[in-house]
Amino acid sequence: MPSDVYAPSGAYRPFRRAGQLLFVSGHGPRKADGQYLTGCLASAGDVAAGYAAAQLATLNLLAAVKLAIGDLSKVEAVVKVLGLVNSTHDFKLHPKVIDGCSDTLIQAFGERGEHARSAVGMASLPHGMMVEIEAIFLISD
């Protein structure tokens, strides 16, 4: 997992807690050198690269969660995930791409990582990144 949380790309917070809910802003597949995994997914042959991008975006998102709450063991449940995929208008495999996020969360938290989810296509994403992931977590006190 990245050791640092990347600064937001605009006028927003990387997370916001409201009671026991932690809302985490969209995170992309930003590598340790600061560069994003970029590209537009167009075919079934692009799913593996998108899946890997979703995994990396999720690790970046979890770094923000850790910053917000101090210890990932305080995550009681992953409530909801929204996965955005930079794709062509006829790409139909968005769920398979965002499985990279879901599988990572379930691996990290077990049953607590199972969540509701939306996976949708976008004509473009900030920085040209392949995916963007946002999530809502239930946190224990």
N, C-alpha and C. Protein backbone atom coordinates (compact mmCIF):
# COMPACT_ATOMS: atom_id res chain seq x y z
N MET A 1 0.85 -1.17 0.00
CA MET A 1 0.00 0.00 0.00
C MET A 1 0.89 1.23 0.00
N PRO A 2 0.54 2.26 -0.75
CA PRO A 2 1.34 3.47 -0.74
C PRO A 2 1.45 4.03 0.67
N SER A 3 2.62 4.54 1.02
CA SER A 3 2.82 5.05 2.37
C SER A 3 2.23 6.43 2.55
N ASP A 4 2.01 7.15 1.48
CA ASP A 4 1.49 8.51 1.56
C ASP A 4 0.15 8.60 0.85
N VAL A 5 -0.67 9.50 1.35
CA VAL A 5 -1.92 9.79 0.67
C VAL A 5 -1.64 10.95 -0.27
N TYR A 6 -2.03 10.79 -1.51
CA TYR A 6 -1.80 11.82 -2.50
C TYR A 6 -2.74 13.00 -2.28
N ALA A 7 -2.22 14.19 -2.47
CA ALA A 7 -3.02 15.39 -2.33
C ALA A 7 -4.13 15.39 -3.37
N PRO A 8 -5.31 15.90 -2.99
CA PRO A 8 -6.40 15.98 -3.97
C PRO A 8 -6.02 16.83 -5.18
N SER A 9 -6.65 16.56 -6.29
CA SER A 9 -6.39 17.29 -7.53
C SER A 9 -7.27 18.52 -7.68
N GLY A 10 -8.01 18.85 -6.65
CA GLY A 10 -8.92 19.99 -6.72
C GLY A 10 -9.30 20.46 -5.33
N ALA A 11 -10.36 21.22 -5.24
CA ALA A 11 -10.81 21.82 -3.99
C ALA A 11 -11.76 20.89 -3.25
N TYR A 12 -11.23 19.81 -2.71
CA TYR A 12 -12.02 18.84 -1.96
C TYR A 12 -11.12 18.10 -0.99
N ARG A 13 -11.72 17.37 -0.07
CA ARG A 13 -10.99 16.56 0.89
C ARG A 13 -10.88 15.12 0.37
N PRO A 14 -9.83 14.40 0.75
CA PRO A 14 -9.74 13.00 0.34
C PRO A 14 -10.76 12.11 1.06
N PHE A 15 -11.30 12.59 2.18
CA PHE A 15 -12.31 11.84 2.93
C PHE A 15 -13.07 12.81 3.82
N ARG A 16 -14.24 12.33 4.28
CA ARG A 16 -15.07 13.10 5.22
C ARG A 16 -15.83 12.11 6.07
N ARG A 17 -15.68 12.24 7.38
CA ARG A 17 -16.39 11.35 8.30
C ARG A 17 -17.68 12.02 8.77
N ALA A 18 -18.75 11.25 8.81
CA ALA A 18 -20.04 11.70 9.32
C ALA A 18 -20.55 10.59 10.24
N GLY A 19 -20.37 10.77 11.53
CA GLY A 19 -20.73 9.72 12.48
C GLY A 19 -19.85 8.51 12.26
N GLN A 20 -20.49 7.37 12.07
CA GLN A 20 -19.72 6.14 11.84
C GLN A 20 -19.45 5.87 10.37
N LEU A 21 -19.89 6.77 9.50
CA LEU A 21 -19.64 6.59 8.07
C LEU A 21 -18.44 7.43 7.63
N LEU A 22 -17.58 6.81 6.85
CA LEU A 22 -16.44 7.50 6.25
C LEU A 22 -16.65 7.51 4.74
N PHE A 23 -16.78 8.70 4.18
CA PHE A 23 -16.95 8.87 2.74
C PHE A 23 -15.57 9.19 2.16
N VAL A 24 -15.11 8.35 1.25
CA VAL A 24 -13.78 8.53 0.66
C VAL A 24 -13.94 8.99 -0.78
N SER A 25 -13.31 10.12 -1.09
CA SER A 25 -13.36 10.69 -2.43
C SER A 25 -12.75 9.74 -3.44
N GLY A 26 -13.01 10.02 -4.70
CA GLY A 26 -12.47 9.20 -5.78
C GLY A 26 -10.95 9.19 -5.78
N HIS A 27 -10.39 8.00 -5.88
CA HIS A 27 -8.94 7.80 -5.97
C HIS A 27 -8.63 7.06 -7.26
N GLY A 28 -7.52 7.43 -7.86
CA GLY A 28 -7.11 6.80 -9.10
C GLY A 28 -5.92 5.89 -8.92
N PRO A 29 -5.51 5.25 -10.01
CA PRO A 29 -4.38 4.33 -9.98
C PRO A 29 -3.05 5.09 -10.10
N ARG A 30 -2.71 5.81 -9.05
CA ARG A 30 -1.48 6.61 -9.03
C ARG A 30 -0.34 5.79 -8.48
N LYS A 31 0.74 5.72 -9.23
CA LYS A 31 1.91 4.93 -8.86
C LYS A 31 2.81 5.73 -7.92
N ALA A 32 3.78 5.06 -7.32
CA ALA A 32 4.69 5.69 -6.37
C ALA A 32 5.44 6.89 -6.96
N ASP A 33 5.66 6.89 -8.27
CA ASP A 33 6.36 8.00 -8.91
C ASP A 33 5.43 9.17 -9.23
N GLY A 34 4.15 9.06 -8.82
CA GLY A 34 3.19 10.14 -9.03
C GLY A 34 2.43 10.06 -10.34
N GLN A 35 2.82 9.16 -11.22
CA GLN A 35 2.15 9.00 -12.51
C GLN A 35 0.95 8.06 -12.36
N TYR A 36 -0.06 8.29 -13.19
CA TYR A 36 -1.26 7.46 -13.18
C TYR A 36 -1.17 6.38 -14.26
N LEU A 37 -1.84 5.27 -14.01
CA LEU A 37 -2.09 4.31 -15.09
C LEU A 37 -3.20 4.93 -15.92
N THR A 38 -2.92 5.17 -17.18
CA THR A 38 -3.84 5.91 -18.03
C THR A 38 -4.32 5.06 -19.19
N GLY A 39 -5.38 5.52 -19.82
CA GLY A 39 -5.86 4.87 -21.02
C GLY A 39 -7.36 4.70 -21.02
N CYS A 40 -7.86 4.44 -22.20
CA CYS A 40 -9.28 4.23 -22.42
C CYS A 40 -9.49 2.76 -22.79
N LEU A 41 -10.33 2.07 -22.04
CA LEU A 41 -10.56 0.66 -22.27
C LEU A 41 -11.58 0.49 -23.40
N ALA A 42 -11.23 -0.38 -24.35
CA ALA A 42 -12.06 -0.51 -25.54
C ALA A 42 -12.50 -1.94 -25.84
N SER A 43 -11.79 -2.94 -25.31
CA SER A 43 -12.10 -4.32 -25.68
C SER A 43 -11.83 -5.26 -24.51
N ALA A 44 -12.25 -6.51 -24.68
CA ALA A 44 -12.02 -7.53 -23.64
C ALA A 44 -10.54 -7.68 -23.33
N GLY A 45 -9.70 -7.41 -24.30
CA GLY A 45 -8.26 -7.51 -24.09
C GLY A 45 -7.72 -6.45 -23.13
N ASP A 46 -8.51 -5.42 -22.84
CA ASP A 46 -8.09 -4.36 -21.92
C ASP A 46 -8.49 -4.61 -20.47
N VAL A 47 -9.28 -5.64 -20.23
CA VAL A 47 -9.81 -5.88 -18.89
C VAL A 47 -8.70 -6.10 -17.87
N ALA A 48 -7.68 -6.88 -18.18
CA ALA A 48 -6.61 -7.16 -17.21
C ALA A 48 -5.90 -5.88 -16.78
N ALA A 49 -5.63 -4.99 -17.71
CA ALA A 49 -4.98 -3.71 -17.35
C ALA A 49 -5.91 -2.86 -16.49
N GLY A 50 -7.20 -2.86 -16.82
CA GLY A 50 -8.17 -2.12 -16.02
C GLY A 50 -8.32 -2.70 -14.62
N TYR A 51 -8.33 -4.00 -14.53
CA TYR A 51 -8.42 -4.70 -13.24
C TYR A 51 -7.24 -4.29 -12.35
N ALA A 52 -6.03 -4.31 -12.94
CA ALA A 52 -4.83 -3.92 -12.19
C ALA A 52 -4.90 -2.45 -11.76
N ALA A 53 -5.44 -1.60 -12.62
CA ALA A 53 -5.60 -0.19 -12.28
C ALA A 53 -6.59 -0.03 -11.12
N ALA A 54 -7.66 -0.82 -11.13
CA ALA A 54 -8.64 -0.77 -10.04
C ALA A 54 -8.02 -1.25 -8.73
N GLN A 55 -7.17 -2.25 -8.79
CA GLN A 55 -6.46 -2.70 -7.59
C GLN A 55 -5.61 -1.58 -7.02
N LEU A 56 -4.83 -0.92 -7.86
CA LEU A 56 -3.95 0.15 -7.41
C LEU A 56 -4.75 1.33 -6.86
N ALA A 57 -5.82 1.69 -7.54
CA ALA A 57 -6.68 2.78 -7.05
C ALA A 57 -7.23 2.44 -5.67
N THR A 58 -7.59 1.18 -5.46
CA THR A 58 -8.12 0.75 -4.16
C THR A 58 -7.06 0.83 -3.08
N LEU A 59 -5.84 0.47 -3.39
CA LEU A 59 -4.76 0.60 -2.40
C LEU A 59 -4.55 2.06 -2.02
N ASN A 60 -4.64 2.95 -3.00
CA ASN A 60 -4.53 4.38 -2.71
C ASN A 60 -5.69 4.85 -1.85
N LEU A 61 -6.88 4.36 -2.15
CA LEU A 61 -8.06 4.69 -1.36
C LEU A 61 -7.90 4.19 0.08
N LEU A 62 -7.39 2.98 0.26
CA LEU A 62 -7.19 2.44 1.60
C LEU A 62 -6.15 3.23 2.39
N ALA A 63 -5.18 3.81 1.71
CA ALA A 63 -4.21 4.67 2.39
C ALA A 63 -4.92 5.89 2.98
N ALA A 64 -5.91 6.41 2.27
CA ALA A 64 -6.70 7.54 2.78
C ALA A 64 -7.55 7.10 3.96
N VAL A 65 -8.12 5.90 3.89
CA VAL A 65 -8.90 5.38 5.01
C VAL A 65 -8.02 5.26 6.25
N LYS A 66 -6.83 4.73 6.08
CA LYS A 66 -5.91 4.59 7.21
C LYS A 66 -5.55 5.95 7.80
N LEU A 67 -5.32 6.93 6.96
CA LEU A 67 -5.04 8.28 7.44
C LEU A 67 -6.23 8.82 8.23
N ALA A 68 -7.43 8.56 7.76
CA ALA A 68 -8.63 9.08 8.40
C ALA A 68 -8.90 8.45 9.76
N ILE A 69 -8.66 7.14 9.90
CA ILE A 69 -9.07 6.45 11.12
C ILE A 69 -7.91 5.84 11.91
N GLY A 70 -6.71 5.87 11.35
CA GLY A 70 -5.53 5.41 12.08
C GLY A 70 -5.23 3.94 11.98
N ASP A 71 -6.24 3.11 11.87
CA ASP A 71 -6.03 1.66 11.88
C ASP A 71 -7.15 1.00 11.08
N LEU A 72 -6.78 0.24 10.07
CA LEU A 72 -7.80 -0.38 9.20
C LEU A 72 -8.65 -1.42 9.93
N SER A 73 -8.21 -1.86 11.12
CA SER A 73 -9.04 -2.81 11.88
C SER A 73 -10.33 -2.15 12.38
N LYS A 74 -10.41 -0.83 12.33
CA LYS A 74 -11.63 -0.12 12.73
C LYS A 74 -12.70 -0.14 11.64
N VAL A 75 -12.38 -0.66 10.47
CA VAL A 75 -13.38 -0.79 9.41
C VAL A 75 -14.31 -1.94 9.77
N GLU A 76 -15.57 -1.60 10.05
CA GLU A 76 -16.57 -2.62 10.34
C GLU A 76 -17.13 -3.22 9.07
N ALA A 77 -17.26 -2.36 8.03
CA ALA A 77 -17.81 -2.84 6.77
C ALA A 77 -17.50 -1.85 5.66
N VAL A 78 -17.33 -2.38 4.47
CA VAL A 78 -17.32 -1.55 3.27
C VAL A 78 -18.78 -1.51 2.84
N VAL A 79 -19.37 -0.32 2.83
CA VAL A 79 -20.80 -0.19 2.57
C VAL A 79 -21.09 -0.12 1.07
N LYS A 80 -20.39 0.78 0.36
CA LYS A 80 -20.72 1.05 -1.05
C LYS A 80 -19.47 1.46 -1.79
N VAL A 81 -19.33 0.99 -3.01
CA VAL A 81 -18.23 1.35 -3.89
C VAL A 81 -18.83 1.88 -5.20
N LEU A 82 -18.23 2.95 -5.70
CA LEU A 82 -18.54 3.43 -7.04
C LEU A 82 -17.26 3.35 -7.85
N GLY A 83 -17.30 2.57 -8.93
CA GLY A 83 -16.15 2.42 -9.81
C GLY A 83 -16.43 3.04 -11.16
N LEU A 84 -15.59 3.99 -11.54
CA LEU A 84 -15.71 4.67 -12.83
C LEU A 84 -14.61 4.14 -13.75
N VAL A 85 -14.98 3.80 -14.97
CA VAL A 85 -14.05 3.22 -15.93
C VAL A 85 -13.96 4.12 -17.16
N ASN A 86 -12.77 4.55 -17.49
CA ASN A 86 -12.52 5.33 -18.71
C ASN A 86 -12.62 4.34 -19.87
N SER A 87 -13.70 4.47 -20.67
CA SER A 87 -13.93 3.46 -21.69
C SER A 87 -14.64 4.04 -22.91
N THR A 88 -14.57 3.28 -23.98
CA THR A 88 -15.30 3.65 -25.19
C THR A 88 -16.79 3.42 -24.96
N HIS A 89 -17.61 4.01 -25.81
CA HIS A 89 -19.06 3.90 -25.63
C HIS A 89 -19.58 2.48 -25.77
N ASP A 90 -18.85 1.62 -26.46
CA ASP A 90 -19.35 0.25 -26.66
C ASP A 90 -18.67 -0.79 -25.76
N PHE A 91 -17.81 -0.36 -24.85
CA PHE A 91 -17.19 -1.27 -23.87
C PHE A 91 -18.27 -1.71 -22.89
N LYS A 92 -18.33 -3.00 -22.60
CA LYS A 92 -19.41 -3.53 -21.76
C LYS A 92 -18.92 -4.28 -20.52
N LEU A 93 -17.63 -4.28 -20.26
CA LEU A 93 -17.07 -5.14 -19.21
C LEU A 93 -16.66 -4.36 -17.96
N HIS A 94 -17.35 -3.28 -17.70
CA HIS A 94 -17.04 -2.46 -16.53
C HIS A 94 -17.02 -3.26 -15.22
N PRO A 95 -18.00 -4.16 -14.99
CA PRO A 95 -17.97 -4.93 -13.74
C PRO A 95 -16.70 -5.77 -13.59
N LYS A 96 -16.22 -6.34 -14.66
CA LYS A 96 -14.99 -7.16 -14.59
C LYS A 96 -13.79 -6.29 -14.21
N VAL A 97 -13.74 -5.06 -14.69
CA VAL A 97 -12.66 -4.14 -14.35
C VAL A 97 -12.73 -3.78 -12.87
N ILE A 98 -13.91 -3.40 -12.39
CA ILE A 98 -14.06 -2.96 -11.02
C ILE A 98 -13.99 -4.13 -10.03
N ASP A 99 -14.04 -5.35 -10.53
CA ASP A 99 -13.75 -6.51 -9.67
C ASP A 99 -12.34 -6.39 -9.07
N GLY A 100 -11.44 -5.68 -9.73
CA GLY A 100 -10.11 -5.45 -9.16
C GLY A 100 -10.19 -4.73 -7.83
N CYS A 101 -11.13 -3.82 -7.70
CA CYS A 101 -11.39 -3.14 -6.43
C CYS A 101 -12.07 -4.09 -5.45
N SER A 102 -13.16 -4.69 -5.87
CA SER A 102 -13.93 -5.56 -4.97
C SER A 102 -13.10 -6.70 -4.43
N ASP A 103 -12.33 -7.34 -5.30
CA ASP A 103 -11.49 -8.45 -4.85
C ASP A 103 -10.45 -7.98 -3.84
N THR A 104 -9.90 -6.79 -4.04
CA THR A 104 -8.90 -6.24 -3.12
C THR A 104 -9.52 -5.96 -1.76
N LEU A 105 -10.73 -5.38 -1.75
CA LEU A 105 -11.40 -5.09 -0.48
C LEU A 105 -11.78 -6.37 0.27
N ILE A 106 -12.23 -7.37 -0.45
CA ILE A 106 -12.58 -8.64 0.19
C ILE A 106 -11.33 -9.34 0.70
N GLN A 107 -10.24 -9.24 -0.04
CA GLN A 107 -8.98 -9.82 0.43
C GLN A 107 -8.51 -9.10 1.69
N ALA A 108 -8.67 -7.79 1.76
CA ALA A 108 -8.21 -7.01 2.90
C ALA A 108 -9.08 -7.22 4.14
N PHE A 109 -10.40 -7.32 3.95
CA PHE A 109 -11.32 -7.31 5.08
C PHE A 109 -12.18 -8.56 5.24
N GLY A 110 -12.04 -9.51 4.34
CA GLY A 110 -12.88 -10.70 4.42
C GLY A 110 -14.34 -10.33 4.19
N GLU A 111 -15.24 -10.93 4.95
CA GLU A 111 -16.67 -10.68 4.80
C GLU A 111 -17.01 -9.20 5.01
N ARG A 112 -16.26 -8.50 5.85
CA ARG A 112 -16.50 -7.07 6.09
C ARG A 112 -16.24 -6.25 4.83
N GLY A 113 -15.51 -6.82 3.88
CA GLY A 113 -15.21 -6.12 2.64
C GLY A 113 -16.25 -6.28 1.56
N GLU A 114 -17.24 -7.16 1.77
CA GLU A 114 -18.31 -7.33 0.79
C GLU A 114 -19.18 -6.08 0.81
N HIS A 115 -19.61 -5.61 -0.36
CA HIS A 115 -20.21 -4.29 -0.46
C HIS A 115 -21.22 -4.21 -1.60
N ALA A 116 -22.05 -3.18 -1.52
CA ALA A 116 -22.89 -2.80 -2.67
C ALA A 116 -21.97 -2.05 -3.64
N ARG A 117 -22.32 -2.05 -4.93
CA ARG A 117 -21.39 -1.46 -5.90
C ARG A 117 -22.08 -1.02 -7.17
N SER A 118 -21.54 0.03 -7.76
CA SER A 118 -21.89 0.43 -9.12
C SER A 118 -20.59 0.49 -9.92
N ALA A 119 -20.63 0.04 -11.16
CA ALA A 119 -19.49 0.10 -12.06
C ALA A 119 -19.99 0.70 -13.37
N VAL A 120 -19.48 1.87 -13.71
CA VAL A 120 -20.00 2.59 -14.87
C VAL A 120 -18.87 3.10 -15.76
N GLY A 121 -19.21 3.33 -17.01
CA GLY A 121 -18.25 3.86 -17.97
C GLY A 121 -18.32 5.37 -18.08
N MET A 122 -17.18 5.97 -18.34
CA MET A 122 -17.05 7.41 -18.51
C MET A 122 -16.32 7.70 -19.81
N ALA A 123 -16.64 8.82 -20.42
CA ALA A 123 -15.96 9.22 -21.65
C ALA A 123 -14.53 9.66 -21.37
N SER A 124 -14.27 10.13 -20.15
CA SER A 124 -12.92 10.49 -19.74
C SER A 124 -12.89 10.58 -18.23
N LEU A 125 -11.68 10.55 -17.67
CA LEU A 125 -11.47 10.70 -16.23
C LEU A 125 -10.30 11.66 -16.02
N PRO A 126 -10.20 12.28 -14.85
CA PRO A 126 -9.11 13.21 -14.60
C PRO A 126 -7.74 12.56 -14.87
N HIS A 127 -6.83 13.34 -15.39
CA HIS A 127 -5.46 12.90 -15.68
C HIS A 127 -5.40 11.79 -16.73
N GLY A 128 -6.52 11.47 -17.36
CA GLY A 128 -6.56 10.37 -18.33
C GLY A 128 -6.51 9.00 -17.69
N MET A 129 -6.70 8.95 -16.36
CA MET A 129 -6.56 7.67 -15.66
C MET A 129 -7.62 6.67 -16.11
N MET A 130 -7.27 5.38 -16.00
CA MET A 130 -8.13 4.30 -16.45
C MET A 130 -9.37 4.13 -15.60
N VAL A 131 -9.22 4.28 -14.29
CA VAL A 131 -10.33 4.07 -13.36
C VAL A 131 -10.27 5.10 -12.24
N GLU A 132 -11.40 5.30 -11.61
CA GLU A 132 -11.48 6.08 -10.39
C GLU A 132 -12.44 5.34 -9.46
N ILE A 133 -12.05 5.24 -8.19
CA ILE A 133 -12.83 4.49 -7.21
C ILE A 133 -13.15 5.40 -6.03
N GLU A 134 -14.41 5.42 -5.61
CA GLU A 134 -14.79 6.07 -4.37
C GLU A 134 -15.57 5.06 -3.54
N ALA A 135 -15.63 5.28 -2.20
CA ALA A 135 -16.27 4.29 -1.34
C ALA A 135 -16.79 4.91 -0.06
N ILE A 136 -17.72 4.19 0.55
CA ILE A 136 -18.25 4.55 1.86
C ILE A 136 -17.97 3.36 2.79
N PHE A 137 -17.42 3.69 3.98
CA PHE A 137 -17.06 2.68 4.98
C PHE A 137 -17.83 2.91 6.26
N LEU A 138 -18.17 1.82 6.97
CA LEU A 138 -18.72 1.89 8.31
C LEU A 138 -17.55 1.69 9.27
N ILE A 139 -17.36 2.64 10.18
CA ILE A 139 -16.20 2.66 11.06
C ILE A 139 -16.64 2.47 12.51
N SER A 140 -15.89 1.68 13.26
CA SER A 140 -16.16 1.54 14.70
C SER A 140 -15.43 2.65 15.44
N ASP A 141 -15.94 2.99 16.60
CA ASP A 141 -15.29 4.04 17.42
C ASP A 141 -14.19 3.50 18.28
